[in-house]
Amino acid sequence: MSINRAFIRIAEKISEVSGRPSVSILAAASIVIWISTGPMFNYSDTWQLVVNTGTSIITFLMVFLIQNTQNRDGEAIQIKLDELLRTSKGAQTSLLDSEDLSDDELDSIKQHYIKLAEIAHMKLGKKKKDSPKKKK
């Protein structure tokens, strides 16, 4: 097994496990235990360093693991959406690579679809209360 595949499998498993409620409860319990031991250690610098170091290391590693799984999920969703666009009759296939467009190009396309939505609402005889405005 390649190192990339091994990393992906480990990252997915850690993301799956770390997202469970029991892990959140365990993390909260660890902090409560750490706080309750403060008087025993006279709230020393070492006592503080233990939790600061531990949480920093865990946070640092989790950022990369979560980013990896989110990137993979985002790519998979994009591929599935592209396939739906490609196979849908009448779909605008020029949008297949829209994730690669600049912010200005995306804003322009968004405004086009806002206008189409307004026209559709008018055809239905509905008046939109709050029309989305272009972000600045």
C-alpha atoms as a PDB file:
ATOM      1  CA  MET A   1       0.000   0.000   0.000  1.00  0.00           C
ATOM      2  CA  SER A   2       1.351   3.445  -0.919  1.00  0.00           C
ATOM      3  CA  ILE A   3       2.028   6.050   1.738  1.00  0.00           C
ATOM      4  CA  ASN A   4      -0.668   8.308   0.250  1.00  0.00           C
ATOM      5  CA  ARG A   5      -3.300   5.587   0.444  1.00  0.00           C
ATOM      6  CA  ALA A   6      -2.239   4.737   4.003  1.00  0.00           C
ATOM      7  CA  PHE A   7      -2.491   8.394   5.014  1.00  0.00           C
ATOM      8  CA  ILE A   8      -5.945   8.688   3.459  1.00  0.00           C
ATOM      9  CA  ARG A   9      -7.187   5.590   5.295  1.00  0.00           C
ATOM     10  CA  ILE A  10      -5.777   6.802   8.626  1.00  0.00           C
ATOM     11  CA  ALA A  11      -7.128  10.346   8.130  1.00  0.00           C
ATOM     12  CA  GLU A  12     -10.599   9.044   7.269  1.00  0.00           C
ATOM     13  CA  LYS A  13     -10.647   6.752  10.302  1.00  0.00           C
ATOM     14  CA  ILE A  14      -9.455   9.472  12.691  1.00  0.00           C
ATOM     15  CA  SER A  15     -12.009  11.925  11.258  1.00  0.00           C
ATOM     16  CA  GLU A  16     -14.750   9.338  11.658  1.00  0.00           C
ATOM     17  CA  VAL A  17     -13.806   8.528  15.253  1.00  0.00           C
ATOM     18  CA  SER A  18     -13.081  12.105  16.346  1.00  0.00           C
ATOM     19  CA  GLY A  19     -16.482  13.296  15.146  1.00  0.00           C
ATOM     20  CA  ARG A  20     -18.375  11.064  17.548  1.00  0.00           C
ATOM     21  CA  PRO A  21     -20.126  12.526  20.609  1.00  0.00           C
ATOM     22  CA  SER A  22     -18.243  10.155  22.919  1.00  0.00           C
ATOM     23  CA  VAL A  23     -14.926  11.694  21.840  1.00  0.00           C
ATOM     24  CA  SER A  24     -16.212  15.196  22.606  1.00  0.00           C
ATOM     25  CA  ILE A  25     -17.326  13.991  26.028  1.00  0.00           C
ATOM     26  CA  LEU A  26     -13.909  12.401  26.572  1.00  0.00           C
ATOM     27  CA  ALA A  27     -12.174  15.659  25.616  1.00  0.00           C
ATOM     28  CA  ALA A  28     -14.395  17.669  27.988  1.00  0.00           C
ATOM     29  CA  ALA A  29     -13.797  15.130  30.771  1.00  0.00           C
ATOM     30  CA  SER A  30     -10.035  15.392  30.219  1.00  0.00           C
ATOM     31  CA  ILE A  31     -10.198  19.144  30.695  1.00  0.00           C
ATOM     32  CA  VAL A  32     -12.321  18.756  33.852  1.00  0.00           C
ATOM     33  CA  ILE A  33      -9.785  16.271  35.250  1.00  0.00           C
ATOM     34  CA  TRP A  34      -6.924  18.600  34.348  1.00  0.00           C
ATOM     35  CA  ILE A  35      -8.648  21.552  36.037  1.00  0.00           C
ATOM     36  CA  SER A  36      -9.425  19.496  39.142  1.00  0.00           C
ATOM     37  CA  THR A  37      -5.743  18.540  39.504  1.00  0.00           C
ATOM     38  CA  GLY A  38      -4.705  22.205  39.554  1.00  0.00           C
ATOM     39  CA  PRO A  39      -4.734  22.547  43.359  1.00  0.00           C
ATOM     40  CA  MET A  40      -2.692  19.339  43.691  1.00  0.00           C
ATOM     41  CA  PHE A  41       0.064  20.843  41.562  1.00  0.00           C
ATOM     42  CA  ASN A  42      -0.376  24.404  42.908  1.00  0.00           C
ATOM     43  CA  TYR A  43      -1.373  25.526  39.420  1.00  0.00           C
ATOM     44  CA  SER A  44       2.307  25.285  38.451  1.00  0.00           C
ATOM     45  CA  ASP A  45       3.804  26.211  35.126  1.00  0.00           C
ATOM     46  CA  THR A  46       4.365  22.515  34.391  1.00  0.00           C
ATOM     47  CA  TRP A  47       0.698  21.784  35.123  1.00  0.00           C
ATOM     48  CA  GLN A  48      -0.322  24.484  32.634  1.00  0.00           C
ATOM     49  CA  LEU A  49       2.258  23.375  30.110  1.00  0.00           C
ATOM     50  CA  VAL A  50       0.853  19.842  30.042  1.00  0.00           C
ATOM     51  CA  VAL A  51      -2.560  20.910  28.764  1.00  0.00           C
ATOM     52  CA  ASN A  52      -1.234  23.668  26.529  1.00  0.00           C
ATOM     53  CA  THR A  53       1.208  21.342  24.815  1.00  0.00           C
ATOM     54  CA  GLY A  54      -1.290  18.497  24.505  1.00  0.00           C
ATOM     55  CA  THR A  55      -4.057  20.630  23.048  1.00  0.00           C
ATOM     56  CA  SER A  56      -1.658  22.409  20.675  1.00  0.00           C
ATOM     57  CA  ILE A  57      -0.340  19.132  19.276  1.00  0.00           C
ATOM     58  CA  ILE A  58      -3.814  17.631  18.876  1.00  0.00           C
ATOM     59  CA  THR A  59      -5.158  20.801  17.251  1.00  0.00           C
ATOM     60  CA  PHE A  60      -2.212  21.040  14.873  1.00  0.00           C
ATOM     61  CA  LEU A  61      -2.608  17.443  13.696  1.00  0.00           C
ATOM     62  CA  MET A  62      -6.409  17.600  13.481  1.00  0.00           C
ATOM     63  CA  VAL A  63      -6.297  20.659  11.220  1.00  0.00           C
ATOM     64  CA  PHE A  64      -4.398  18.696   8.573  1.00  0.00           C
ATOM     65  CA  LEU A  65      -6.506  15.562   8.937  1.00  0.00           C
ATOM     66  CA  ILE A  66      -9.770  17.466   8.711  1.00  0.00           C
ATOM     67  CA  GLN A  67      -8.541  19.532   5.764  1.00  0.00           C
ATOM     68  CA  ASN A  68      -7.544  16.355   3.937  1.00  0.00           C
ATOM     69  CA  THR A  69     -10.946  14.728   4.415  1.00  0.00           C
ATOM     70  CA  GLN A  70     -12.772  17.944   3.476  1.00  0.00           C
ATOM     71  CA  ASN A  71     -10.693  18.311   0.312  1.00  0.00           C
ATOM     72  CA  ARG A  72     -11.450  14.727  -0.690  1.00  0.00           C
ATOM     73  CA  ASP A  73     -15.170  15.114   0.091  1.00  0.00           C
ATOM     74  CA  GLY A  74     -15.311  18.395  -1.830  1.00  0.00           C
ATOM     75  CA  GLU A  75     -13.637  16.840  -4.857  1.00  0.00           C
ATOM     76  CA  ALA A  76     -15.966  13.836  -4.794  1.00  0.00           C
ATOM     77  CA  ILE A  77     -19.030  16.075  -4.560  1.00  0.00           C
ATOM     78  CA  GLN A  78     -17.734  18.247  -7.405  1.00  0.00           C
ATOM     79  CA  ILE A  79     -17.200  15.191  -9.610  1.00  0.00           C
ATOM     80  CA  LYS A  80     -20.729  13.955  -8.854  1.00  0.00           C
ATOM     81  CA  LEU A  81     -22.206  17.384  -9.630  1.00  0.00           C
ATOM     82  CA  ASP A  82     -20.208  17.556 -12.853  1.00  0.00           C
ATOM     83  CA  GLU A  83     -21.577  14.157 -13.844  1.00  0.00           C
ATOM     84  CA  LEU A  84     -25.142  15.302 -13.121  1.00  0.00           C
ATOM     85  CA  LEU A  85     -24.620  18.421 -15.241  1.00  0.00           C
ATOM     86  CA  ARG A  86     -23.036  16.405 -18.022  1.00  0.00           C
ATOM     87  CA  THR A  87     -25.893  13.928 -18.209  1.00  0.00           C
ATOM     88  CA  SER A  88     -28.799  16.342 -17.654  1.00  0.00           C
ATOM     89  CA  LYS A  89     -30.554  17.326 -20.839  1.00  0.00           C
ATOM     90  CA  GLY A  90     -30.515  21.084 -21.289  1.00  0.00           C
ATOM     91  CA  ALA A  91     -27.963  21.662 -18.545  1.00  0.00           C
ATOM     92  CA  GLN A  92     -25.362  24.335 -19.133  1.00  0.00           C
ATOM     93  CA  THR A  93     -22.224  22.213 -19.372  1.00  0.00           C
ATOM     94  CA  SER A  94     -20.050  25.331 -19.478  1.00  0.00           C
ATOM     95  CA  LEU A  95     -20.419  25.305 -15.684  1.00  0.00           C
ATOM     96  CA  LEU A  96     -18.546  22.012 -15.369  1.00  0.00           C
ATOM     97  CA  ASP A  97     -15.302  23.731 -14.395  1.00  0.00           C
ATOM     98  CA  SER A  98     -16.833  26.623 -12.465  1.00  0.00           C
ATOM     99  CA  GLU A  99     -14.751  25.830  -9.365  1.00  0.00           C
ATOM    100  CA  ASP A 100     -11.722  27.056 -11.341  1.00  0.00           C
ATOM    101  CA  LEU A 101     -13.207  30.471 -12.166  1.00  0.00           C
ATOM    102  CA  SER A 102     -12.157  33.733 -10.533  1.00  0.00           C
ATOM    103  CA  ASP A 103     -14.342  35.426  -7.926  1.00  0.00           C
ATOM    104  CA  ASP A 104     -15.402  38.069 -10.467  1.00  0.00           C
ATOM    105  CA  GLU A 105     -16.424  35.407 -12.977  1.00  0.00           C
ATOM    106  CA  LEU A 106     -18.386  33.531 -10.295  1.00  0.00           C
ATOM    107  CA  ASP A 107     -20.113  36.760  -9.222  1.00  0.00           C
ATOM    108  CA  SER A 108     -21.089  37.446 -12.832  1.00  0.00           C
ATOM    109  CA  ILE A 109     -22.590  33.966 -13.224  1.00  0.00           C
ATOM    110  CA  LYS A 110     -24.358  34.317  -9.874  1.00  0.00           C
ATOM    111  CA  GLN A 111     -25.938  37.596 -10.986  1.00  0.00           C
ATOM    112  CA  HIS A 112     -27.124  35.883 -14.173  1.00  0.00           C
ATOM    113  CA  TYR A 113     -28.868  33.183 -12.115  1.00  0.00           C
ATOM    114  CA  ILE A 114     -30.349  35.755  -9.739  1.00  0.00           C
ATOM    115  CA  LYS A 115     -31.931  37.473 -12.757  1.00  0.00           C
ATOM    116  CA  LEU A 116     -33.244  34.125 -14.021  1.00  0.00           C
ATOM    117  CA  ALA A 117     -34.755  33.454 -10.583  1.00  0.00           C
ATOM    118  CA  GLU A 118     -36.416  36.889 -10.537  1.00  0.00           C
ATOM    119  CA  ILE A 119     -37.919  36.243 -13.984  1.00  0.00           C
ATOM    120  CA  ALA A 120     -39.198  32.852 -12.810  1.00  0.00           C
ATOM    121  CA  HIS A 121     -40.779  34.457  -9.739  1.00  0.00           C
ATOM    122  CA  MET A 122     -42.470  37.080 -11.907  1.00  0.00           C
ATOM    123  CA  LYS A 123     -43.843  34.381 -14.195  1.00  0.00           C
ATOM    124  CA  LEU A 124     -45.300  32.634 -11.161  1.00  0.00           C
ATOM    125  CA  GLY A 125     -46.845  35.899 -10.014  1.00  0.00           C
ATOM    126  CA  LYS A 126     -44.771  36.004  -6.869  1.00  0.00           C
ATOM    127  CA  LYS A 127     -42.880  38.986  -5.688  1.00  0.00           C
ATOM    128  CA  LYS A 128     -39.640  38.287  -3.929  1.00  0.00           C
ATOM    129  CA  LYS A 129     -39.360  40.096  -0.590  1.00  0.00           C
ATOM    130  CA  ASP A 130     -35.581  40.078  -0.160  1.00  0.00           C
ATOM    131  CA  SER A 131     -33.637  39.859  -3.367  1.00  0.00           C
ATOM    132  CA  PRO A 132     -30.067  38.660  -2.839  1.00  0.00           C
ATOM    133  CA  LYS A 133     -27.583  41.458  -3.317  1.00  0.00           C
ATOM    134  CA  LYS A 134     -24.158  41.230  -4.833  1.00  0.00           C
ATOM    135  CA  LYS A 135     -21.411  40.805  -2.233  1.00  0.00           C
ATOM    136  CA  LYS A 136     -18.775  43.487  -2.188  1.00  0.00           C
END
